[in-house]
Amino acid sequence: MGLMDTIKGWFGGAKEQGADMAQKAEDFAEDAVDTAREKASDVMDSAKDAGSDAVDTAREKASDVMDSAKDAGSDAVDTAREKASDVMDSAKDKLEG
């Protein structure tokens, strides 16, 4: 029986070591998943910030373009009014004179 007890002891010890190693592997895997989730969350936050900054910049640029267009349009309208007034004055002068 001594040999059988020795063999059972070896397998019993191997079984315990296997269970310990499996537990350590599970703990390691859980830590790896947690770390990956944290990194992914950080990347998503950075992407959201970058996207938000890009949208803000685009809005500012669009606002500047709109302001420039309004100014250009206003200048064009003022010029057209002046020209129309000049034509009207010239026409009045010709009719009166």
C-alpha atoms as a PDB file:
ATOM      1  CA  MET A   1       0.000   0.000   0.000  1.00  0.00           C
ATOM      2  CA  GLY A   2       2.922   2.349   0.442  1.00  0.00           C
ATOM      3  CA  LEU A   3       3.394   2.754  -3.301  1.00  0.00           C
ATOM      4  CA  MET A   4      -0.298   3.532  -3.842  1.00  0.00           C
ATOM      5  CA  ASP A   5      -0.257   6.111  -1.069  1.00  0.00           C
ATOM      6  CA  THR A   6       2.794   7.746  -2.619  1.00  0.00           C
ATOM      7  CA  ILE A   7       1.160   7.884  -6.066  1.00  0.00           C
ATOM      8  CA  LYS A   8      -2.081   9.283  -4.573  1.00  0.00           C
ATOM      9  CA  GLY A   9       0.022  11.877  -2.710  1.00  0.00           C
ATOM     10  CA  TRP A  10       1.700  12.937  -5.949  1.00  0.00           C
ATOM     11  CA  PHE A  11      -1.561  13.247  -7.831  1.00  0.00           C
ATOM     12  CA  GLY A  12      -3.227  14.960  -4.886  1.00  0.00           C
ATOM     13  CA  GLY A  13      -0.374  17.495  -4.735  1.00  0.00           C
ATOM     14  CA  ALA A  14      -0.507  18.002  -8.490  1.00  0.00           C
ATOM     15  CA  LYS A  15      -4.255  18.509  -8.286  1.00  0.00           C
ATOM     16  CA  GLU A  16      -3.815  21.186  -5.593  1.00  0.00           C
ATOM     17  CA  GLN A  17      -1.053  22.877  -7.578  1.00  0.00           C
ATOM     18  CA  GLY A  18      -3.245  22.801 -10.689  1.00  0.00           C
ATOM     19  CA  ALA A  19      -6.140  24.374  -8.780  1.00  0.00           C
ATOM     20  CA  ASP A  20      -3.814  27.069  -7.386  1.00  0.00           C
ATOM     21  CA  MET A  21      -2.438  27.794 -10.850  1.00  0.00           C
ATOM     22  CA  ALA A  22      -5.940  27.937 -12.313  1.00  0.00           C
ATOM     23  CA  GLN A  23      -6.989  30.422  -9.606  1.00  0.00           C
ATOM     24  CA  LYS A  24      -3.914  32.557 -10.264  1.00  0.00           C
ATOM     25  CA  ALA A  25      -4.616  32.469 -14.011  1.00  0.00           C
ATOM     26  CA  GLU A  26      -8.220  33.510 -13.389  1.00  0.00           C
ATOM     27  CA  ASP A  27      -7.100  36.387 -11.149  1.00  0.00           C
ATOM     28  CA  PHE A  28      -4.570  37.468 -13.779  1.00  0.00           C
ATOM     29  CA  ALA A  29      -7.210  37.348 -16.523  1.00  0.00           C
ATOM     30  CA  GLU A  30      -9.639  39.408 -14.432  1.00  0.00           C
ATOM     31  CA  ASP A  31      -6.923  41.998 -13.788  1.00  0.00           C
ATOM     32  CA  ALA A  32      -6.092  42.099 -17.495  1.00  0.00           C
ATOM     33  CA  VAL A  33      -9.764  42.613 -18.416  1.00  0.00           C
ATOM     34  CA  ASP A  34     -10.129  45.385 -15.819  1.00  0.00           C
ATOM     35  CA  THR A  35      -7.000  47.113 -17.116  1.00  0.00           C
ATOM     36  CA  ALA A  36      -8.214  46.816 -20.704  1.00  0.00           C
ATOM     37  CA  ARG A  37     -11.581  48.317 -19.738  1.00  0.00           C
ATOM     38  CA  GLU A  38      -9.875  51.246 -17.983  1.00  0.00           C
ATOM     39  CA  LYS A  39      -7.607  51.884 -20.976  1.00  0.00           C
ATOM     40  CA  ALA A  40     -10.557  51.677 -23.381  1.00  0.00           C
ATOM     41  CA  SER A  41     -12.489  54.108 -21.219  1.00  0.00           C
ATOM     42  CA  ASP A  42      -9.530  56.511 -21.213  1.00  0.00           C
ATOM     43  CA  VAL A  43      -9.236  56.261 -24.997  1.00  0.00           C
ATOM     44  CA  MET A  44     -12.970  56.883 -25.411  1.00  0.00           C
ATOM     45  CA  ASP A  45     -12.789  59.925 -23.132  1.00  0.00           C
ATOM     46  CA  SER A  46      -9.855  61.287 -25.133  1.00  0.00           C
ATOM     47  CA  ALA A  47     -11.717  60.683 -28.385  1.00  0.00           C
ATOM     48  CA  LYS A  48     -14.810  62.427 -27.040  1.00  0.00           C
ATOM     49  CA  ASP A  49     -12.706  65.407 -25.941  1.00  0.00           C
ATOM     50  CA  ALA A  50     -10.965  65.594 -29.312  1.00  0.00           C
ATOM     51  CA  GLY A  51     -14.292  65.332 -31.126  1.00  0.00           C
ATOM     52  CA  SER A  52     -15.812  68.016 -28.956  1.00  0.00           C
ATOM     53  CA  ASP A  53     -12.832  70.300 -29.586  1.00  0.00           C
ATOM     54  CA  ALA A  54     -13.117  69.697 -33.326  1.00  0.00           C
ATOM     55  CA  VAL A  55     -16.831  70.521 -33.269  1.00  0.00           C
ATOM     56  CA  ASP A  56     -16.178  73.697 -31.278  1.00  0.00           C
ATOM     57  CA  THR A  57     -13.467  74.757 -33.732  1.00  0.00           C
ATOM     58  CA  ALA A  58     -15.745  74.029 -36.690  1.00  0.00           C
ATOM     59  CA  ARG A  59     -18.539  76.090 -35.116  1.00  0.00           C
ATOM     60  CA  GLU A  60     -16.158  79.014 -34.557  1.00  0.00           C
ATOM     61  CA  LYS A  61     -14.904  78.824 -38.145  1.00  0.00           C
ATOM     62  CA  ALA A  62     -18.458  78.626 -39.494  1.00  0.00           C
ATOM     63  CA  SER A  63     -19.442  81.617 -37.380  1.00  0.00           C
ATOM     64  CA  ASP A  64     -16.452  83.580 -38.706  1.00  0.00           C
ATOM     65  CA  VAL A  65     -17.381  82.676 -42.303  1.00  0.00           C
ATOM     66  CA  MET A  66     -20.983  83.726 -41.703  1.00  0.00           C
ATOM     67  CA  ASP A  67     -19.860  87.025 -40.204  1.00  0.00           C
ATOM     68  CA  SER A  68     -17.567  87.640 -43.184  1.00  0.00           C
ATOM     69  CA  ALA A  69     -20.375  86.804 -45.586  1.00  0.00           C
ATOM     70  CA  LYS A  70     -22.745  89.142 -43.775  1.00  0.00           C
ATOM     71  CA  ASP A  71     -20.158  91.920 -43.862  1.00  0.00           C
ATOM     72  CA  ALA A  72     -19.464  91.338 -47.557  1.00  0.00           C
ATOM     73  CA  GLY A  73     -23.184  91.221 -48.303  1.00  0.00           C
ATOM     74  CA  SER A  74     -23.791  94.376 -46.327  1.00  0.00           C
ATOM     75  CA  ASP A  75     -20.953  96.143 -48.166  1.00  0.00           C
ATOM     76  CA  ALA A  76     -22.383  94.989 -51.505  1.00  0.00           C
ATOM     77  CA  VAL A  77     -25.850  96.253 -50.569  1.00  0.00           C
ATOM     78  CA  ASP A  78     -24.408  99.608 -49.460  1.00  0.00           C
ATOM     79  CA  THR A  79     -22.465  99.907 -52.731  1.00  0.00           C
ATOM     80  CA  ALA A  80     -25.555  99.001 -54.757  1.00  0.00           C
ATOM     81  CA  ARG A  81     -27.613 101.612 -52.879  1.00  0.00           C
ATOM     82  CA  GLU A  82     -24.966 104.274 -53.523  1.00  0.00           C
ATOM     83  CA  LYS A  83     -24.822 103.404 -57.218  1.00  0.00           C
ATOM     84  CA  ALA A  84     -28.614 103.424 -57.456  1.00  0.00           C
ATOM     85  CA  SER A  85     -28.709 106.808 -55.725  1.00  0.00           C
ATOM     86  CA  ASP A  86     -26.076 108.150 -58.119  1.00  0.00           C
ATOM     87  CA  VAL A  87     -28.071 106.888 -61.115  1.00  0.00           C
ATOM     88  CA  MET A  88     -31.256 108.422 -59.704  1.00  0.00           C
ATOM     89  CA  ASP A  89     -29.511 111.741 -59.134  1.00  0.00           C
ATOM     90  CA  SER A  90     -28.056 111.664 -62.633  1.00  0.00           C
ATOM     91  CA  ALA A  91     -31.446 110.863 -64.114  1.00  0.00           C
ATOM     92  CA  LYS A  92     -33.076 113.738 -62.160  1.00  0.00           C
ATOM     93  CA  ASP A  93     -30.377 116.126 -63.346  1.00  0.00           C
ATOM     94  CA  LYS A  94     -30.946 115.121 -66.967  1.00  0.00           C
ATOM     95  CA  LEU A  95     -34.715 115.433 -66.633  1.00  0.00           C
ATOM     96  CA  GLU A  96     -34.484 118.832 -65.003  1.00  0.00           C
ATOM     97  CA  GLY A  97     -31.768 120.196 -67.140  1.00  0.00           C
END
